[in-house]
Protein backbone atom coordinates (compact mmCIF):
# COMPACT_ATOMS: atom_id res chain seq x y z
CA MET A 1 40.44 -29.42 5.52
CA ALA A 2 42.74 -30.29 8.42
CA LEU A 3 46.23 -28.91 8.24
CA GLU A 4 47.72 -32.31 9.08
CA SER A 5 46.84 -33.66 5.62
CA CYS A 6 48.37 -30.78 3.64
CA THR A 7 50.55 -31.95 0.83
CA ARG A 8 52.25 -28.76 -0.40
CA ALA A 9 53.36 -25.33 0.73
CA ILE A 10 54.48 -22.58 -1.65
CA VAL A 11 56.98 -20.51 0.30
CA GLY A 12 58.85 -17.24 -0.20
CA GLY A 13 57.14 -15.75 -3.24
CA THR A 14 55.56 -12.35 -3.81
CA LEU A 15 51.83 -13.10 -3.66
CA ILE A 16 49.33 -11.18 -5.81
CA ASP A 17 46.22 -12.94 -4.62
CA GLY A 18 43.67 -11.83 -7.26
CA THR A 19 41.47 -9.82 -4.90
CA GLY A 20 43.07 -6.50 -5.77
CA ARG A 21 44.77 -6.23 -2.39
CA PRO A 22 48.43 -5.13 -2.27
CA PRO A 23 51.05 -7.82 -2.94
CA VAL A 24 52.43 -9.81 -0.02
CA LYS A 25 56.18 -10.36 0.08
CA ASP A 26 57.72 -13.59 1.44
CA SER A 27 54.36 -15.34 1.39
CA VAL A 28 53.22 -18.84 2.32
CA VAL A 29 50.38 -20.69 0.60
CA VAL A 30 49.41 -24.03 2.13
CA ILE A 31 47.57 -26.60 0.02
CA ASP A 32 45.64 -29.63 1.26
CA GLY A 33 44.86 -31.85 -1.69
CA GLU A 34 42.86 -29.72 -4.16
CA TRP A 35 42.28 -26.84 -1.78
CA ILE A 36 44.05 -23.83 -0.37
CA VAL A 37 43.86 -23.92 3.43
CA ALA A 38 46.12 -21.14 4.65
CA VAL A 39 47.64 -17.96 3.20
CA GLY A 40 49.86 -15.32 4.74
CA ARG A 41 53.39 -14.11 5.37
CA ARG A 42 56.21 -16.37 6.42
CA GLY A 43 56.19 -16.47 10.20
CA GLU A 44 52.43 -15.88 10.33
CA VAL A 45 51.51 -19.16 8.59
CA ALA A 46 53.21 -22.38 9.63
CA VAL A 47 54.44 -24.85 7.04
CA PRO A 48 52.99 -28.19 8.18
CA GLU A 49 55.45 -30.90 9.01
CA GLY A 50 55.92 -33.29 6.11
CA ALA A 51 54.53 -30.93 3.49
CA GLU A 52 56.28 -30.73 0.12
CA VAL A 53 57.81 -27.26 0.00
CA ILE A 54 57.87 -25.36 -3.30
CA ASP A 55 60.46 -22.60 -3.09
CA ALA A 56 59.03 -19.48 -4.74
CA SER A 57 61.75 -17.09 -3.56
CA GLY A 58 62.25 -14.31 -6.10
CA ARG A 59 59.12 -15.41 -7.95
CA THR A 60 55.49 -14.24 -8.20
CA VAL A 61 52.59 -16.37 -6.99
CA LEU A 62 49.27 -15.70 -8.74
CA PRO A 63 45.89 -17.38 -8.92
CA GLY A 64 45.72 -19.57 -11.99
CA LEU A 65 45.05 -17.19 -14.87
CA ILE A 66 41.65 -17.57 -16.57
CA ASP A 67 41.11 -16.54 -20.19
CA ALA A 68 37.49 -15.37 -20.22
CA HIS A 69 37.11 -15.32 -24.00
CA THR A 70 39.05 -17.63 -26.26
CA HIS A 71 38.44 -20.12 -29.04
CA PHE A 72 40.40 -22.80 -27.32
CA LEU A 73 39.30 -25.95 -29.14
CA TRP A 74 39.77 -24.37 -32.56
CA MET A 75 43.11 -22.93 -31.50
CA GLY A 76 44.25 -26.46 -30.78
CA ILE A 77 42.83 -27.81 -34.03
CA GLY A 78 44.59 -24.99 -35.84
CA MET A 79 47.92 -26.07 -34.36
CA ILE A 80 47.50 -29.29 -36.31
CA ARG A 81 45.54 -28.29 -39.37
CA LEU A 82 46.31 -24.69 -40.36
CA VAL A 83 49.21 -22.69 -41.77
CA ASP A 84 50.16 -20.21 -39.04
CA LEU A 85 50.35 -16.75 -40.62
CA SER A 86 50.34 -14.76 -37.39
CA ALA A 87 54.02 -13.81 -37.44
CA THR A 88 54.15 -12.62 -41.05
CA THR A 89 55.20 -9.02 -41.66
CA SER A 90 54.16 -8.81 -45.29
CA LEU A 91 51.56 -10.20 -47.66
CA ALA A 92 54.38 -11.65 -49.74
CA GLU A 93 55.74 -13.58 -46.75
CA ALA A 94 52.27 -15.00 -46.02
CA VAL A 95 51.83 -16.03 -49.64
CA GLU A 96 55.17 -17.86 -49.59
CA LEU A 97 54.13 -19.87 -46.51
CA VAL A 98 50.85 -20.83 -48.17
CA LYS A 99 52.64 -21.72 -51.39
CA ALA A 100 55.01 -24.02 -49.47
CA ARG A 101 52.03 -25.85 -47.94
CA VAL A 102 50.36 -26.17 -51.35
CA GLU A 103 53.48 -27.82 -52.74
CA LYS A 104 53.30 -30.49 -50.00
CA THR A 105 49.54 -31.08 -50.30
CA PRO A 106 47.96 -33.61 -52.72
CA LYS A 107 45.98 -32.03 -55.55
CA GLY A 108 42.37 -31.36 -54.74
CA GLU A 109 42.87 -31.15 -50.96
CA TRP A 110 42.17 -27.96 -49.04
CA VAL A 111 44.94 -25.69 -47.78
CA MET A 112 43.89 -23.46 -44.89
CA GLY A 113 45.68 -20.82 -42.87
CA ARG A 114 44.88 -18.38 -40.11
CA GLY A 115 46.22 -15.37 -38.29
CA TRP A 116 47.24 -12.93 -41.03
CA ASP A 117 46.97 -9.29 -40.09
CA ASP A 118 47.07 -6.76 -42.93
CA SER A 119 47.50 -3.89 -40.46
CA LYS A 120 51.02 -5.20 -39.74
CA TRP A 121 51.98 -5.82 -43.36
CA THR A 122 54.01 -3.46 -45.50
CA GLU A 123 51.33 -3.78 -48.20
CA ARG A 124 48.49 -2.79 -45.82
CA ARG A 125 45.80 -4.63 -47.78
CA TYR A 126 43.82 -7.86 -47.66
CA ILE A 127 44.93 -10.98 -49.53
CA THR A 128 42.77 -11.64 -52.62
CA LYS A 129 42.37 -14.54 -55.00
CA GLU A 130 44.76 -12.80 -57.38
CA ASP A 131 47.58 -13.35 -54.89
CA LEU A 132 46.83 -17.07 -54.58
CA ASP A 133 45.66 -18.25 -57.99
CA PRO A 134 49.06 -18.36 -59.78
CA PHE A 135 50.28 -21.31 -57.68
CA SER A 136 47.02 -23.04 -56.71
CA PRO A 137 44.93 -24.06 -59.74
CA ASP A 138 44.22 -27.46 -58.19
CA HIS A 139 43.99 -26.63 -54.47
CA PRO A 140 41.11 -24.81 -52.80
CA ILE A 141 42.53 -22.31 -50.29
CA MET A 142 40.89 -20.51 -47.36
CA LEU A 143 42.89 -18.03 -45.29
CA THR A 144 41.25 -16.54 -42.19
CA ARG A 145 42.20 -13.07 -40.98
CA VAL A 146 43.36 -12.79 -37.36
CA CYS A 147 39.94 -11.47 -36.28
CA GLY A 148 38.09 -14.49 -37.69
CA HIS A 149 35.54 -12.26 -39.40
CA LEU A 150 37.15 -12.08 -42.83
CA ILE A 151 38.40 -14.88 -45.05
CA THR A 152 40.10 -15.02 -48.42
CA LEU A 153 39.39 -17.78 -50.95
CA ASN A 154 41.27 -18.52 -54.13
CA SER A 155 39.39 -19.16 -57.39
CA LYS A 156 39.40 -22.91 -56.85
CA ALA A 157 37.75 -22.51 -53.45
CA LEU A 158 35.17 -20.10 -54.89
CA GLU A 159 34.42 -22.71 -57.56
CA VAL A 160 34.07 -25.56 -55.05
CA ALA A 161 31.80 -23.42 -52.87
CA GLY A 162 29.71 -22.35 -55.86
CA ILE A 163 30.31 -18.64 -55.24
CA THR A 164 29.93 -16.62 -58.42
CA ARG A 165 29.09 -13.06 -59.45
CA ASP A 166 25.42 -14.04 -59.11
CA THR A 167 25.71 -15.27 -55.51
CA PRO A 168 23.87 -12.85 -53.22
CA ASP A 169 25.39 -11.59 -49.99
CA PRO A 170 24.25 -13.78 -47.08
CA PRO A 171 22.33 -12.18 -44.21
CA GLY A 172 24.77 -10.16 -42.13
CA GLY A 173 27.68 -10.85 -44.48
CA GLN A 174 29.34 -9.46 -47.58
CA ILE A 175 31.13 -10.80 -50.66
CA ASP A 176 33.68 -8.27 -51.90
CA ARG A 177 33.54 -7.75 -55.67
CA ASP A 178 35.72 -6.01 -58.23
CA GLN A 179 34.50 -3.28 -60.58
CA ASP A 180 33.13 -5.93 -62.95
CA GLY A 181 31.09 -7.58 -60.20
CA GLU A 182 33.34 -10.65 -59.85
CA PRO A 183 34.17 -11.92 -56.34
CA THR A 184 37.66 -10.89 -55.24
CA GLY A 185 37.90 -13.87 -52.90
CA VAL A 186 37.35 -11.72 -49.79
CA LEU A 187 34.31 -12.67 -47.68
CA ARG A 188 33.33 -10.59 -44.66
CA ASP A 189 31.34 -12.50 -42.03
CA ALA A 190 30.18 -14.83 -44.80
CA ARG A 191 32.20 -17.99 -44.16
CA GLN A 192 28.98 -20.00 -43.99
CA LEU A 193 29.04 -19.92 -47.79
CA VAL A 194 32.16 -22.08 -47.85
CA GLU A 195 32.13 -24.04 -44.59
CA LYS A 196 29.60 -26.51 -45.99
CA VAL A 197 32.15 -27.81 -48.52
CA ILE A 198 35.21 -28.00 -46.25
CA PRO A 199 35.94 -31.55 -45.04
CA PRO A 200 34.88 -31.78 -41.37
CA VAL A 201 37.36 -32.22 -38.55
CA THR A 202 37.34 -35.70 -37.02
CA GLU A 203 36.88 -36.14 -33.29
CA GLU A 204 40.34 -37.69 -32.96
CA ILE A 205 42.01 -34.65 -34.56
CA ALA A 206 39.92 -32.38 -32.36
CA LEU A 207 40.92 -34.29 -29.23
CA GLU A 208 44.60 -34.10 -30.15
CA GLY A 209 44.16 -30.38 -30.79
CA LEU A 210 42.50 -29.88 -27.42
CA LYS A 211 45.31 -31.79 -25.73
CA GLN A 212 47.90 -29.55 -27.40
CA ALA A 213 45.91 -26.44 -26.47
CA CYS A 214 45.87 -27.54 -22.81
CA ASP A 215 49.63 -28.07 -22.79
CA HIS A 216 50.13 -24.66 -24.37
CA ALA A 217 47.83 -22.99 -21.85
CA LEU A 218 49.57 -24.54 -18.85
CA SER A 219 52.95 -23.37 -20.15
CA LEU A 220 51.53 -19.82 -20.10
CA GLY A 221 50.13 -20.08 -16.57
CA CYS A 222 46.53 -20.41 -17.75
CA THR A 223 44.42 -22.83 -15.68
CA GLY A 224 40.94 -21.99 -16.99
CA ILE A 225 39.28 -20.87 -20.20
CA HIS A 226 35.89 -19.74 -21.47
CA ASP A 227 35.51 -21.21 -24.97
CA ALA A 228 33.45 -18.67 -26.86
CA GLY A 229 30.93 -20.36 -29.12
CA LEU A 230 30.78 -24.11 -29.72
CA ASP A 231 28.35 -26.30 -31.62
CA ALA A 232 27.26 -29.79 -30.59
CA PHE A 233 30.44 -31.30 -32.04
CA GLY A 234 32.62 -29.04 -29.90
CA VAL A 235 30.70 -29.90 -26.73
CA ARG A 236 31.08 -33.62 -27.50
CA VAL A 237 34.84 -33.19 -27.96
CA TYR A 238 35.16 -31.52 -24.57
CA GLN A 239 33.13 -34.28 -22.93
CA SER A 240 35.29 -36.95 -24.58
CA ALA A 241 38.44 -35.12 -23.48
CA LEU A 242 37.16 -35.04 -19.90
CA GLU A 243 36.35 -38.77 -19.98
CA ARG A 244 39.80 -39.63 -21.39
CA GLY A 245 41.69 -37.46 -18.94
CA LEU A 246 42.91 -35.11 -21.68
CA LEU A 247 41.27 -31.94 -20.33
CA LYS A 248 43.88 -30.34 -18.10
CA VAL A 249 42.43 -26.84 -17.71
CA ARG A 250 38.99 -25.91 -16.42
CA ALA A 251 36.62 -25.15 -19.28
CA TYR A 252 33.48 -23.02 -19.28
CA VAL A 253 31.99 -23.52 -22.72
CA MET A 254 29.72 -21.06 -24.48
CA VAL A 255 27.29 -22.77 -26.84
CA ARG A 256 25.87 -21.23 -29.99
CA GLU A 257 22.49 -19.83 -29.09
CA ASP A 258 20.21 -22.05 -31.17
CA ALA A 259 21.79 -25.26 -29.87
CA PHE A 260 21.79 -24.10 -26.24
CA ILE A 261 18.26 -22.72 -26.31
CA LYS A 262 17.01 -26.00 -27.78
CA GLY A 263 18.93 -28.04 -25.21
CA ALA A 264 17.74 -25.88 -22.34
CA SER A 265 14.16 -26.10 -23.55
CA GLU A 266 14.09 -29.86 -24.19
CA LEU A 267 16.47 -31.19 -21.52
CA GLY A 268 16.27 -28.52 -18.85
CA VAL A 269 20.03 -27.90 -18.74
CA ARG A 270 21.12 -24.45 -17.73
CA THR A 271 24.24 -22.36 -17.35
CA GLY A 272 26.53 -24.05 -14.83
CA PHE A 273 25.61 -27.64 -15.71
CA GLY A 274 28.69 -29.86 -15.32
CA ASN A 275 31.51 -30.22 -12.83
CA ARG A 276 34.59 -28.30 -11.73
CA MET A 277 36.52 -29.22 -14.89
CA LEU A 278 33.81 -28.73 -17.53
CA LYS A 279 30.67 -26.61 -17.40
CA LEU A 280 28.10 -25.38 -19.86
CA GLY A 281 28.29 -21.62 -19.80
CA SER A 282 26.62 -18.93 -21.89
CA ALA A 283 24.37 -18.92 -24.91
CA LYS A 284 26.61 -17.15 -27.43
CA LEU A 285 25.14 -14.64 -29.88
CA LEU A 286 26.67 -12.21 -32.38
CA ILE A 287 25.31 -8.82 -33.37
CA ASP A 288 28.29 -7.42 -35.32
CA GLY A 289 31.69 -8.34 -36.74
CA SER A 290 35.19 -6.91 -36.24
CA LEU A 291 37.03 -3.64 -36.74
CA GLY A 292 39.72 -5.35 -38.77
CA ALA A 293 37.14 -6.55 -41.29
CA ARG A 294 35.24 -3.24 -41.03
CA THR A 295 32.14 -5.21 -40.00
CA ALA A 296 31.88 -4.00 -36.38
CA ALA A 297 28.71 -1.87 -36.25
CA LEU A 298 29.47 1.81 -35.57
CA PHE A 299 27.26 4.86 -35.16
CA GLU A 300 29.57 6.86 -37.44
CA PRO A 301 31.35 5.71 -40.63
CA TYR A 302 34.78 4.15 -40.58
CA GLU A 303 37.56 6.72 -40.73
CA ASP A 304 39.38 4.84 -43.49
CA ASP A 305 36.24 3.82 -45.41
CA PRO A 306 33.43 6.39 -45.03
CA SER A 307 31.18 4.25 -47.23
CA THR A 308 30.42 1.85 -44.37
CA LYS A 309 29.36 1.82 -40.72
CA GLY A 310 29.86 -1.96 -40.47
CA LEU A 311 27.35 -4.80 -40.52
CA LEU A 312 24.72 -6.26 -38.23
CA MET A 313 24.72 -10.06 -38.09
CA MET A 314 20.99 -10.03 -37.36
CA GLU A 315 18.23 -7.50 -36.98
CA PRO A 316 18.06 -5.93 -33.50
CA GLU A 317 14.56 -7.33 -33.02
CA GLU A 318 15.83 -10.84 -33.69
CA LEU A 319 18.65 -10.37 -31.19
CA THR A 320 16.18 -9.20 -28.57
CA GLU A 321 13.94 -12.24 -29.08
CA LYS A 322 16.90 -14.62 -28.81
CA VAL A 323 18.21 -12.94 -25.65
CA LYS A 324 14.74 -13.07 -24.11
CA ALA A 325 14.32 -16.75 -25.01
CA ALA A 326 17.67 -17.67 -23.44
CA HIS A 327 17.01 -15.50 -20.39
CA ARG A 328 13.59 -17.08 -19.80
CA LEU A 329 15.26 -20.51 -19.76
CA GLY A 330 17.71 -19.49 -17.05
CA LEU A 331 20.70 -19.17 -19.35
CA GLN A 332 23.45 -16.60 -19.20
CA VAL A 333 23.81 -14.85 -22.55
CA ALA A 334 27.08 -13.64 -24.05
CA VAL A 335 26.59 -11.22 -26.91
CA HIS A 336 29.49 -10.49 -29.26
CA ALA A 337 29.37 -6.72 -29.78
CA ILE A 338 32.39 -4.62 -30.72
CA GLY A 339 31.19 -1.32 -32.18
CA ASP A 340 29.18 1.26 -30.25
CA ARG A 341 26.11 0.64 -32.44
CA GLY A 342 26.37 -3.12 -31.89
CA ILE A 343 26.83 -2.61 -28.15
CA GLU A 344 23.76 -0.39 -28.04
CA HIS A 345 21.64 -3.17 -29.52
CA ALA A 346 23.15 -5.74 -27.12
CA ILE A 347 22.43 -3.59 -24.05
CA ALA A 348 18.89 -2.90 -25.26
CA ALA A 349 18.21 -6.62 -25.80
CA ILE A 350 19.41 -7.53 -22.30
CA GLU A 351 17.49 -4.61 -20.81
CA GLU A 352 14.29 -5.80 -22.49
CA ALA A 353 14.82 -9.38 -21.26
CA LEU A 354 15.25 -8.14 -17.69
CA ARG A 355 12.21 -5.92 -17.99
CA GLU A 356 10.10 -8.88 -19.11
CA LYS A 357 11.49 -11.28 -16.49
CA PRO A 358 13.55 -9.65 -13.72
CA ARG A 359 16.37 -11.87 -12.47
CA LYS A 360 19.02 -11.01 -9.95
CA ASP A 361 22.61 -11.99 -10.55
CA HIS A 362 22.09 -12.97 -14.20
CA ARG A 363 25.65 -11.94 -15.15
CA HIS A 364 24.81 -11.55 -18.83
CA ARG A 365 27.91 -10.60 -20.77
CA ILE A 366 28.89 -8.44 -23.69
CA GLU A 367 31.93 -9.91 -25.38
CA HIS A 368 34.60 -7.45 -26.58
CA SER A 369 32.87 -4.13 -25.75
CA GLU A 370 35.59 -2.26 -27.63
CA ILE A 371 33.98 1.09 -28.55
CA LEU A 372 31.90 2.37 -25.64
CA THR A 373 30.13 5.63 -24.90
CA THR A 374 30.03 6.93 -21.33
CA THR A 375 26.27 6.40 -21.27
CA GLN A 376 26.72 2.78 -22.29
CA ILE A 377 29.24 2.24 -19.50
CA GLU A 378 26.73 3.58 -16.97
CA ARG A 379 24.06 1.25 -18.36
CA LEU A 380 26.39 -1.75 -18.12
CA ARG A 381 26.86 -1.03 -14.43
CA GLY A 382 23.20 -0.35 -13.79
CA LEU A 383 22.04 -3.54 -15.49
CA GLY A 384 24.76 -5.74 -13.96
CA ILE A 385 26.23 -6.69 -17.35
CA VAL A 386 29.75 -8.12 -17.38
CA ALA A 387 32.17 -6.49 -19.82
CA SER A 388 34.22 -9.37 -21.23
CA VAL A 389 37.18 -7.62 -22.87
CA GLN A 390 40.52 -8.51 -24.45
CA PRO A 391 43.39 -6.24 -23.38
CA ASN A 392 45.84 -7.88 -25.76
CA PHE A 393 43.91 -6.09 -28.54
CA VAL A 394 45.34 -2.77 -27.37
CA GLY A 395 48.80 -4.31 -27.31
CA GLU A 396 48.30 -5.35 -30.92
CA TRP A 397 46.37 -2.46 -32.47
CA SER A 398 46.16 0.64 -30.28
CA GLY A 399 48.45 3.65 -30.22
CA PRO A 400 49.50 6.10 -32.96
CA GLY A 401 49.44 4.58 -36.43
CA GLY A 402 47.73 1.40 -35.26
CA LEU A 403 44.68 -0.35 -36.66
CA TYR A 404 42.31 1.31 -34.16
CA GLU A 405 43.40 4.79 -35.14
CA ALA A 406 43.12 3.93 -38.84
CA ARG A 407 39.60 2.56 -38.47
CA LEU A 408 38.28 5.06 -35.89
CA GLY A 409 40.32 8.23 -36.16
CA ALA A 410 41.94 10.13 -33.29
CA ARG A 411 38.72 11.25 -31.58
CA ARG A 412 37.02 7.86 -31.33
CA LEU A 413 40.31 6.26 -30.35
CA ARG A 414 39.74 7.69 -26.86
CA GLN A 415 36.57 5.57 -26.54
CA ASN A 416 38.50 2.44 -27.34
CA ASN A 417 38.90 -0.21 -24.61
CA PRO A 418 38.42 2.23 -21.69
CA TYR A 419 39.39 -0.16 -18.89
CA ARG A 420 40.10 2.53 -16.29
CA LEU A 421 36.67 4.11 -16.75
CA LEU A 422 34.92 0.73 -16.69
CA LEU A 423 36.54 -0.18 -13.37
CA ASP A 424 36.03 3.27 -11.86
CA GLU A 425 32.33 3.10 -12.77
CA GLY A 426 32.00 -0.25 -10.99
CA VAL A 427 31.48 -2.46 -14.05
CA ARG A 428 32.58 -6.08 -13.61
CA VAL A 429 35.40 -6.57 -16.13
CA ALA A 430 36.72 -9.99 -17.16
CA PHE A 431 39.88 -10.27 -19.26
CA GLY A 432 40.44 -12.72 -22.10
CA SER A 433 42.41 -12.99 -25.32
CA ASP A 434 40.19 -14.17 -28.20
CA CYS A 435 43.41 -16.01 -29.22
CA MET A 436 44.88 -12.75 -30.55
CA PRO A 437 47.29 -13.90 -29.20
CA PHE A 438 46.48 -16.49 -26.56
CA ASN A 439 48.78 -15.36 -23.75
CA PRO A 440 47.52 -13.98 -20.42
CA LEU A 441 50.87 -12.38 -19.54
CA TYR A 442 50.66 -10.42 -22.78
CA GLY A 443 47.14 -9.38 -21.76
CA LEU A 444 48.34 -8.20 -18.34
CA TRP A 445 51.13 -6.24 -20.00
CA SER A 446 48.71 -4.66 -22.46
CA ALA A 447 46.27 -3.52 -19.76
CA VAL A 448 48.98 -2.03 -17.54
CA ASN A 449 50.69 -0.34 -20.51
CA HIS A 450 47.56 0.77 -22.42
CA PRO A 451 48.80 3.27 -25.07
CA ILE A 452 46.08 5.67 -23.91
CA ARG A 453 47.31 6.57 -20.44
CA GLU A 454 43.92 7.37 -18.93
CA ASN A 455 42.75 3.84 -19.81
CA ARG A 456 45.53 2.05 -17.91
CA VAL A 457 44.94 -0.13 -14.86
CA THR A 458 47.24 -1.18 -12.04
CA LEU A 459 49.00 -4.53 -11.95
CA GLU A 460 46.78 -5.73 -9.11
CA GLU A 461 43.65 -4.71 -11.03
CA ALA A 462 44.85 -6.45 -14.19
CA VAL A 463 45.54 -9.67 -12.28
CA ARG A 464 42.10 -9.48 -10.66
CA CYS A 465 40.41 -9.10 -14.07
CA TYR A 466 42.30 -12.15 -15.37
CA THR A 467 41.45 -14.23 -12.28
CA LEU A 468 38.68 -13.36 -9.82
CA GLU A 469 36.62 -11.30 -12.26
CA ALA A 470 36.94 -14.00 -14.93
CA ALA A 471 35.73 -16.51 -12.33
CA TYR A 472 32.85 -14.15 -11.49
CA ALA A 473 31.86 -14.11 -15.17
CA SER A 474 31.36 -17.89 -14.94
CA PHE A 475 29.66 -17.88 -11.49
CA GLU A 476 32.73 -19.52 -9.90
CA GLU A 477 34.25 -16.80 -7.74
CA GLU A 478 33.38 -18.73 -4.56
CA VAL A 479 35.66 -21.63 -5.51
CA ARG A 480 38.40 -20.16 -7.69
CA GLY A 481 39.95 -16.97 -9.03
CA SER A 482 41.89 -15.91 -5.94
CA ILE A 483 44.42 -17.36 -3.52
CA GLU A 484 42.38 -17.53 -0.34
CA PRO A 485 41.55 -20.32 2.11
CA GLY A 486 38.69 -22.44 0.83
CA LYS A 487 39.50 -21.89 -2.85
CA LEU A 488 40.72 -24.47 -5.34
CA ALA A 489 44.51 -24.58 -5.57
CA ASP A 490 44.78 -23.32 -9.15
CA ILE A 491 48.05 -21.41 -8.95
CA THR A 492 50.54 -19.86 -11.35
CA ILE A 493 54.14 -19.18 -10.31
CA LEU A 494 56.11 -16.78 -12.48
CA ASP A 495 59.89 -16.91 -12.77
CA GLY A 496 60.47 -13.43 -11.40
CA ASP A 497 58.92 -10.77 -9.19
CA LEU A 498 56.30 -8.76 -11.10
CA THR A 499 56.31 -6.04 -8.46
CA GLU A 500 59.99 -5.35 -9.14
CA THR A 501 59.80 -5.75 -12.92
CA PRO A 502 59.46 -2.69 -15.18
CA ALA A 503 55.90 -2.55 -16.52
CA GLU A 504 57.10 -2.78 -20.12
CA GLN A 505 58.73 -6.18 -19.39
CA ILE A 506 55.71 -7.97 -17.90
CA LYS A 507 54.91 -9.83 -21.11
CA ASP A 508 58.40 -11.36 -21.23
CA MET A 509 58.32 -13.00 -17.80
CA PRO A 510 58.32 -16.80 -18.14
CA VAL A 511 56.04 -19.11 -16.19
CA HIS A 512 57.91 -21.30 -13.70
CA MET A 513 55.12 -23.63 -12.59
CA THR A 514 51.37 -24.15 -13.03
CA LEU A 515 49.13 -26.06 -10.63
CA VAL A 516 45.52 -27.10 -11.19
CA GLY A 517 43.65 -28.42 -8.18
CA GLY A 518 46.91 -28.70 -6.26
CA LYS A 519 48.54 -30.87 -8.94
CA ILE A 520 51.70 -29.64 -10.66
CA LEU A 521 50.88 -29.86 -14.38
CA TYR A 522 53.66 -27.70 -15.78
CA VAL A 523 57.23 -26.94 -14.73
CA LYS A 524 59.56 -24.85 -16.87
CA GLU A 525 62.50 -26.84 -18.11
CA ASP A 526 65.92 -25.60 -17.04
CA GLN A 527 67.61 -23.69 -19.80
């Protein structure tokens, strides 16, 4: 990495390097091809003669932001295929958007939407078939709540799927029913009952969706993602995108546990198989659902529905056997667990796997980790489990009158997303979004401005969790995640100085430029 061959130097910006160290004003970052070769203050680091100079004066230079838990491929497909209901402020507004799509769709074809959030609606209730049936006698409709763990079907979709009053609840799921026993159209963690009759996505649509997702990510300063739970089709799409040059961000893909365990057993592939742009990551498992759907597994009943403590997607013994099987094959496991009861089962399963076959540096993960006890936090640290969390959730649902308070009550609200305590206890914490919404700057803002003051983190800590710690969660901290010599030149430049910006305005700062491997892949257009 001789300085003579450097191609670019980023000069004059405020550098937050991802390590947690204090920001550096008037910085210089020198890039040689794909790699960072020198970092420091202006005057301490020479700009090589002939290098292309990128003026970052008045701007912030960050490591490329890494979303450690997202559903990236399906986000892209949704951009093409689904009605976006994420910005609706009422059930009536959402229904009107769906109705407009129905009117443009040939009879008999599916209409699907995603992103509705009843906690932000004036009506404060789920959509049911009764809301959809009056305008959709000939169109099956499926609308997915923002959390992904609850869907609403109209009567036509229930008919096509063969769901009747006699259909039993699937394992780990629930069909909501009215007082007469008829399905209301609301399915909680039971979408498998309808997915079998929905026309499959073609590879070409999926590739176009992935391309659009990459462009969207780069515009938000995101250079890497961990896609949380793909099947064989999804893995093939990523491979095709890589071969065609469509994959512009680095992808660490989590594979549904049965597929990955089979592949690891038969082919010998393990976590980390791939190259710097695309790697096989974790075996993804689920033990509970979501707070929004009231399917996250809690020790105590829900505050706003004392009849339930949530659902378990599988028996704890089954989870333990699956974790042990993946662990024995050298895989990293990533267990979706949101409620404290679900987290308890996830920790116990990983603990048992490590007891049976000790392994240093396994970096097993618990995805979401939203409701934690202090004892659980200590066990995460002691076992070396990564807490993969989504700070944008607190931006969306924390604080007085929010969804978290409604579901948990004031006392348990204090246990919710305790980032400060996690970091102070020495737990490795990786930040992601779960696409709610997909926007790392919004995640940084949420973590720094956590509505519960004692759970807030500093700006430098938040950046580290969205960069170096996210890279650690994918075993890549030696090559990316911070701006240091010897690291890949994945760099985000923001159009302003974060260190001089009021904390409440962080989420509004635009991205000026995004580089992946030293290549400029996004530049903000002049307004």
